[in-house]
Amino acid sequence: MSTDPIPDTPATPTALDHTPPPAGPATSIKLLAEAAGTFLLVFGGIGAALFASDFGVGSNGSSLGIGFVGVALAFGLTVVAGAYAWGPISGGHFNPAVTLGLAAAGRFPWKDTIGYIVAQVVGGAIATSLIVLIGLFGPNGWLTAAQSGGFASNGFGDHSPGNFGIGGAITAEILFTGIFVLVILGVTHATRGTTLAGLVIGLTLTLIHLVSIPIDNTSVNPARSIATALYGGGDALAQLWVFIVFPIVGALLAGFAHRALFDGKSAG
């Protein structure tokens, strides 16, 4: 019989192993990431709309502005950048409707939604405040004209770029926010998702803007709508409720639907 000592064997984890998992980012860092991402989205998208969408014509008569296409791309590109820069920290919501839609789908804790939403609204408000600061040093009358024009706020009726009524705005916000959340839930799925999720989400937001800017200036994001309404005047504030309530309605419907249709037992 051998008298050699029995070699040590590595411990096998069991159900009784209470070793805590590696700690993720602190809540404060997650909230900072959400504020930063929403800041980037609003500053880039609204900045493009106010500074560059209609920049007059050149000496040959061609437009120097980026138009609806440029603004749509600006919103999409900011989401791509934010998703890859801060998404690994906070999940990269940058949108209260997305946060609530993810919670409805069982992908995000309901208890954490308020903190995320506050951070997003603050980030957006800082973005438009800095646009105002830049405007103070702009050409004479630029800031007054931007504010009297609604400051790129969302709107319906006389405040819709295409004169669409409130019914069109409500329908568009429910539909497009729902589509946006469904795409996000699909491309970020733990087993069916893609490493290109940030790019897909950004391109989807670009597409949504290309279609819906003429309808109501495209919200699908209450933080974006609040940020511009703060400086868009009384009419923008009076119509703001539509662009808070109905993006959230669309996101919640999409979240609950995705959970029932695609995340149930039959879907694996």
Protein backbone atom coordinates (compact mmCIF):
# COMPACT_ATOMS: atom_id res chain seq x y z
CA MET A 1 0.00 0.00 0.00
CA SER A 2 1.37 3.38 -0.94
CA THR A 3 2.07 5.78 1.82
CA ASP A 4 2.37 8.79 -0.47
CA PRO A 5 0.09 11.64 0.55
CA ILE A 6 -3.11 12.04 -1.42
CA PRO A 7 -2.63 15.02 -3.75
CA ASP A 8 -4.83 18.01 -3.22
CA THR A 9 -7.70 18.22 -5.67
CA PRO A 10 -9.38 21.45 -6.67
CA ALA A 11 -12.66 22.10 -4.93
CA THR A 12 -15.73 21.55 -7.07
CA PRO A 13 -18.38 24.28 -6.77
CA THR A 14 -21.65 23.01 -5.37
CA ALA A 15 -25.11 24.40 -4.83
CA LEU A 16 -24.00 25.16 -1.27
CA ASP A 17 -21.09 27.29 -2.42
CA HIS A 18 -21.89 30.82 -1.25
CA THR A 19 -18.94 32.55 -2.89
CA PRO A 20 -20.36 35.82 -4.25
CA PRO A 21 -20.05 36.49 -7.97
CA PRO A 22 -17.59 39.17 -9.10
CA ALA A 23 -18.96 42.61 -8.32
CA GLY A 24 -20.14 44.68 -11.26
CA PRO A 25 -19.92 48.45 -11.59
CA ALA A 26 -21.29 50.43 -8.67
CA THR A 27 -24.77 51.86 -9.03
CA SER A 28 -23.38 55.40 -9.11
CA ILE A 29 -21.12 54.49 -12.04
CA LYS A 30 -24.04 52.93 -13.91
CA LEU A 31 -26.10 56.08 -13.42
CA LEU A 32 -23.20 58.22 -14.59
CA ALA A 33 -22.92 56.06 -17.71
CA GLU A 34 -26.64 56.47 -18.41
CA ALA A 35 -26.39 60.23 -18.00
CA ALA A 36 -23.34 60.36 -20.28
CA GLY A 37 -24.96 58.26 -22.98
CA THR A 38 -28.17 60.28 -22.94
CA PHE A 39 -26.13 63.48 -23.00
CA LEU A 40 -24.32 62.27 -26.12
CA LEU A 41 -27.55 61.23 -27.83
CA VAL A 42 -29.32 64.54 -27.17
CA PHE A 43 -26.31 66.78 -27.75
CA GLY A 44 -25.42 65.05 -31.01
CA GLY A 45 -28.93 64.64 -32.38
CA ILE A 46 -30.43 67.95 -31.30
CA GLY A 47 -27.18 69.77 -32.03
CA ALA A 48 -27.32 68.44 -35.59
CA ALA A 49 -30.96 69.51 -35.91
CA LEU A 50 -30.34 73.05 -34.64
CA PHE A 51 -26.87 73.83 -35.95
CA ALA A 52 -26.60 71.89 -39.19
CA SER A 53 -29.94 70.73 -40.59
CA ASP A 54 -30.61 73.96 -42.47
CA PHE A 55 -27.38 75.86 -42.97
CA GLY A 56 -28.37 77.89 -45.98
CA VAL A 57 -26.94 77.57 -49.48
CA GLY A 58 -23.47 77.80 -50.95
CA SER A 59 -22.25 80.08 -53.70
CA ASN A 60 -23.41 77.60 -56.33
CA GLY A 61 -26.91 77.48 -54.88
CA SER A 62 -26.62 74.00 -53.35
CA SER A 63 -27.77 73.40 -49.78
CA LEU A 64 -25.12 73.34 -47.07
CA GLY A 65 -27.47 71.76 -44.52
CA ILE A 66 -27.64 68.09 -43.63
CA GLY A 67 -31.44 67.92 -43.68
CA PHE A 68 -33.61 65.14 -42.26
CA VAL A 69 -31.20 62.43 -43.41
CA GLY A 70 -28.28 64.02 -41.61
CA VAL A 71 -30.25 64.48 -38.39
CA ALA A 72 -31.46 60.88 -38.53
CA LEU A 73 -27.88 59.69 -38.95
CA ALA A 74 -26.74 61.90 -36.08
CA PHE A 75 -29.20 60.24 -33.70
CA GLY A 76 -28.21 56.78 -34.88
CA LEU A 77 -24.47 57.45 -34.68
CA THR A 78 -24.70 58.79 -31.14
CA VAL A 79 -26.45 55.60 -30.05
CA VAL A 80 -23.77 53.46 -31.69
CA ALA A 81 -21.01 55.43 -29.96
CA GLY A 82 -22.77 55.42 -26.59
CA ALA A 83 -23.62 51.73 -26.77
CA TYR A 84 -20.02 50.71 -27.26
CA ALA A 85 -18.56 53.32 -24.89
CA TRP A 86 -20.93 52.97 -21.92
CA GLY A 87 -23.18 50.04 -22.73
CA PRO A 88 -20.85 47.55 -21.02
CA ILE A 89 -21.21 49.60 -17.81
CA SER A 90 -24.94 50.32 -17.58
CA GLY A 91 -26.54 48.36 -20.39
CA GLY A 92 -26.75 51.45 -22.59
CA HIS A 93 -30.44 52.37 -22.27
CA PHE A 94 -30.13 56.18 -22.65
CA ASN A 95 -33.93 56.35 -22.84
CA PRO A 96 -36.62 56.03 -20.13
CA ALA A 97 -38.91 54.13 -22.49
CA VAL A 98 -36.18 51.57 -23.18
CA THR A 99 -35.52 51.15 -19.46
CA LEU A 100 -39.20 50.48 -18.77
CA GLY A 101 -39.52 48.22 -21.81
CA LEU A 102 -36.57 46.12 -20.63
CA ALA A 103 -38.13 45.89 -17.17
CA ALA A 104 -41.43 44.74 -18.69
CA ALA A 105 -39.52 42.06 -20.59
CA GLY A 106 -37.86 40.82 -17.41
CA ARG A 107 -34.42 42.03 -18.50
CA PHE A 108 -34.00 44.81 -15.96
CA PRO A 109 -35.04 45.16 -12.28
CA TRP A 110 -38.08 47.37 -11.75
CA LYS A 111 -36.50 48.71 -8.57
CA ASP A 112 -33.66 50.27 -10.56
CA THR A 113 -35.82 52.02 -13.16
CA ILE A 114 -36.32 55.30 -11.27
CA GLY A 115 -32.61 55.92 -10.83
CA TYR A 116 -31.92 55.23 -14.50
CA ILE A 117 -34.75 57.50 -15.64
CA VAL A 118 -33.59 60.38 -13.44
CA ALA A 119 -30.03 60.01 -14.76
CA GLN A 120 -31.27 59.99 -18.36
CA VAL A 121 -33.43 63.10 -17.91
CA VAL A 122 -30.53 64.93 -16.24
CA GLY A 123 -28.13 63.94 -19.01
CA GLY A 124 -30.51 65.17 -21.68
CA ALA A 125 -31.18 68.46 -19.89
CA ILE A 126 -27.45 69.14 -19.56
CA ALA A 127 -27.07 68.54 -23.30
CA THR A 128 -29.68 71.10 -24.36
CA SER A 129 -28.41 73.55 -21.73
CA LEU A 130 -24.97 73.40 -23.31
CA ILE A 131 -26.50 73.91 -26.75
CA VAL A 132 -28.13 77.06 -25.33
CA LEU A 133 -24.75 78.14 -23.97
CA ILE A 134 -23.18 77.76 -27.41
CA GLY A 135 -26.12 79.63 -28.91
CA LEU A 136 -25.47 82.60 -26.63
CA PHE A 137 -22.25 83.13 -28.55
CA GLY A 138 -23.82 82.53 -31.95
CA PRO A 139 -24.91 84.99 -34.62
CA ASN A 140 -27.19 87.78 -33.51
CA GLY A 141 -30.69 86.40 -33.07
CA TRP A 142 -29.74 82.72 -33.56
CA LEU A 143 -30.79 81.54 -30.10
CA THR A 144 -34.02 83.56 -30.12
CA ALA A 145 -34.92 82.10 -33.50
CA ALA A 146 -34.10 78.56 -32.36
CA GLN A 147 -36.29 78.91 -29.29
CA SER A 148 -39.14 80.61 -31.11
CA GLY A 149 -39.00 77.74 -33.63
CA GLY A 150 -39.48 75.21 -30.84
CA PHE A 151 -35.84 74.26 -30.25
CA ALA A 152 -36.27 70.99 -32.21
CA SER A 153 -39.01 69.92 -29.78
CA ASN A 154 -41.53 67.26 -30.62
CA GLY A 155 -44.96 68.44 -31.61
CA PHE A 156 -48.20 67.84 -33.48
CA GLY A 157 -50.63 70.02 -35.39
CA ASP A 158 -49.01 73.35 -36.15
CA HIS A 159 -45.85 72.12 -34.42
CA SER A 160 -45.47 69.02 -36.59
CA PRO A 161 -43.00 69.41 -39.49
CA GLY A 162 -45.62 67.84 -41.76
CA ASN A 163 -48.72 69.21 -39.95
CA PHE A 164 -49.78 65.79 -38.63
CA GLY A 165 -52.37 65.81 -35.86
CA ILE A 166 -52.25 64.40 -32.37
CA GLY A 167 -53.58 61.02 -33.53
CA GLY A 168 -50.66 60.65 -35.92
CA ALA A 169 -48.18 61.56 -33.20
CA ILE A 170 -49.69 59.11 -30.70
CA THR A 171 -49.77 56.28 -33.22
CA ALA A 172 -46.22 56.95 -34.40
CA GLU A 173 -44.78 57.09 -30.88
CA ILE A 174 -46.43 53.85 -29.76
CA LEU A 175 -45.54 52.03 -32.97
CA PHE A 176 -41.96 53.20 -33.46
CA THR A 177 -41.00 52.95 -29.79
CA GLY A 178 -42.43 49.43 -29.72
CA ILE A 179 -40.42 48.47 -32.80
CA PHE A 180 -37.27 49.99 -31.29
CA VAL A 181 -37.65 48.07 -28.04
CA LEU A 182 -38.39 44.80 -29.85
CA VAL A 183 -35.21 45.18 -31.89
CA ILE A 184 -33.19 45.96 -28.75
CA LEU A 185 -34.56 42.90 -26.96
CA GLY A 186 -33.85 40.71 -29.96
CA VAL A 187 -30.26 41.73 -30.66
CA THR A 188 -29.23 41.75 -26.99
CA HIS A 189 -30.69 38.34 -26.12
CA ALA A 190 -28.30 36.22 -24.05
CA THR A 191 -28.26 33.32 -26.52
CA ARG A 192 -29.73 34.73 -29.75
CA GLY A 193 -28.13 38.16 -29.66
CA THR A 194 -25.24 39.57 -31.67
CA THR A 195 -21.95 41.29 -30.91
CA LEU A 196 -23.08 43.93 -33.41
CA ALA A 197 -26.04 44.88 -31.22
CA GLY A 198 -24.92 48.50 -30.80
CA LEU A 199 -24.66 48.99 -34.55
CA VAL A 200 -28.04 47.39 -35.23
CA ILE A 201 -29.73 49.50 -32.56
CA GLY A 202 -28.18 52.69 -33.92
CA LEU A 203 -29.24 51.91 -37.49
CA THR A 204 -32.76 51.11 -36.29
CA LEU A 205 -32.99 54.49 -34.59
CA THR A 206 -31.75 56.11 -37.80
CA LEU A 207 -34.48 54.35 -39.77
CA ILE A 208 -37.13 55.42 -37.26
CA HIS A 209 -36.05 59.05 -37.61
CA LEU A 210 -36.01 58.86 -41.41
CA VAL A 211 -39.66 57.80 -41.35
CA SER A 212 -41.06 59.83 -38.48
CA ILE A 213 -39.28 63.21 -38.37
CA PRO A 214 -41.99 64.69 -40.66
CA ILE A 215 -44.73 63.34 -38.36
CA ASP A 216 -43.71 64.79 -34.99
CA ASN A 217 -39.94 65.40 -35.07
CA THR A 218 -39.45 61.87 -33.64
CA SER A 219 -39.32 61.28 -29.93
CA VAL A 220 -39.36 57.55 -29.02
CA ASN A 221 -37.43 58.88 -26.00
CA PRO A 222 -39.04 60.94 -23.23
CA ALA A 223 -35.64 62.22 -22.02
CA ARG A 224 -34.98 63.71 -25.47
CA SER A 225 -38.45 65.29 -25.51
CA ILE A 226 -38.11 66.79 -22.03
CA ALA A 227 -34.65 68.15 -22.83
CA THR A 228 -35.83 70.15 -25.84
CA ALA A 229 -39.18 71.22 -24.37
CA LEU A 230 -37.31 72.93 -21.53
CA TYR A 231 -36.16 75.54 -24.07
CA GLY A 232 -38.87 75.17 -26.72
CA GLY A 233 -41.45 77.49 -25.21
CA GLY A 234 -44.97 77.11 -23.86
CA ASP A 235 -46.41 75.15 -26.77
CA ALA A 236 -43.63 72.55 -26.59
CA LEU A 237 -44.25 72.14 -22.86
CA ALA A 238 -48.02 71.91 -23.38
CA GLN A 239 -47.63 69.08 -25.90
CA LEU A 240 -44.84 67.31 -24.00
CA TRP A 241 -47.18 64.86 -22.26
CA VAL A 242 -47.79 63.04 -25.54
CA PHE A 243 -44.07 62.37 -25.93
CA ILE A 244 -43.71 61.13 -22.38
CA VAL A 245 -46.79 58.94 -22.16
CA PHE A 246 -46.95 57.22 -25.54
CA PRO A 247 -43.32 56.20 -26.03
CA ILE A 248 -43.64 54.53 -22.61
CA VAL A 249 -46.89 52.84 -23.67
CA GLY A 250 -45.21 51.49 -26.80
CA ALA A 251 -42.17 50.29 -24.87
CA LEU A 252 -44.24 48.51 -22.21
CA LEU A 253 -46.39 46.79 -24.83
CA ALA A 254 -43.27 45.65 -26.66
CA GLY A 255 -41.59 44.44 -23.48
CA PHE A 256 -44.54 42.39 -22.28
CA ALA A 257 -45.16 41.04 -25.80
CA HIS A 258 -41.54 40.00 -26.29
CA ARG A 259 -41.51 38.22 -22.94
CA ALA A 260 -44.68 36.30 -23.79
CA LEU A 261 -43.85 35.50 -27.41
CA PHE A 262 -40.09 35.05 -27.55
CA ASP A 263 -38.82 34.41 -24.04
CA GLY A 264 -41.33 31.75 -22.96
CA LYS A 265 -40.62 28.05 -22.62
CA SER A 266 -41.70 27.33 -26.18
CA ALA A 267 -39.09 29.82 -27.41
CA GLY A 268 -36.32 28.14 -25.48
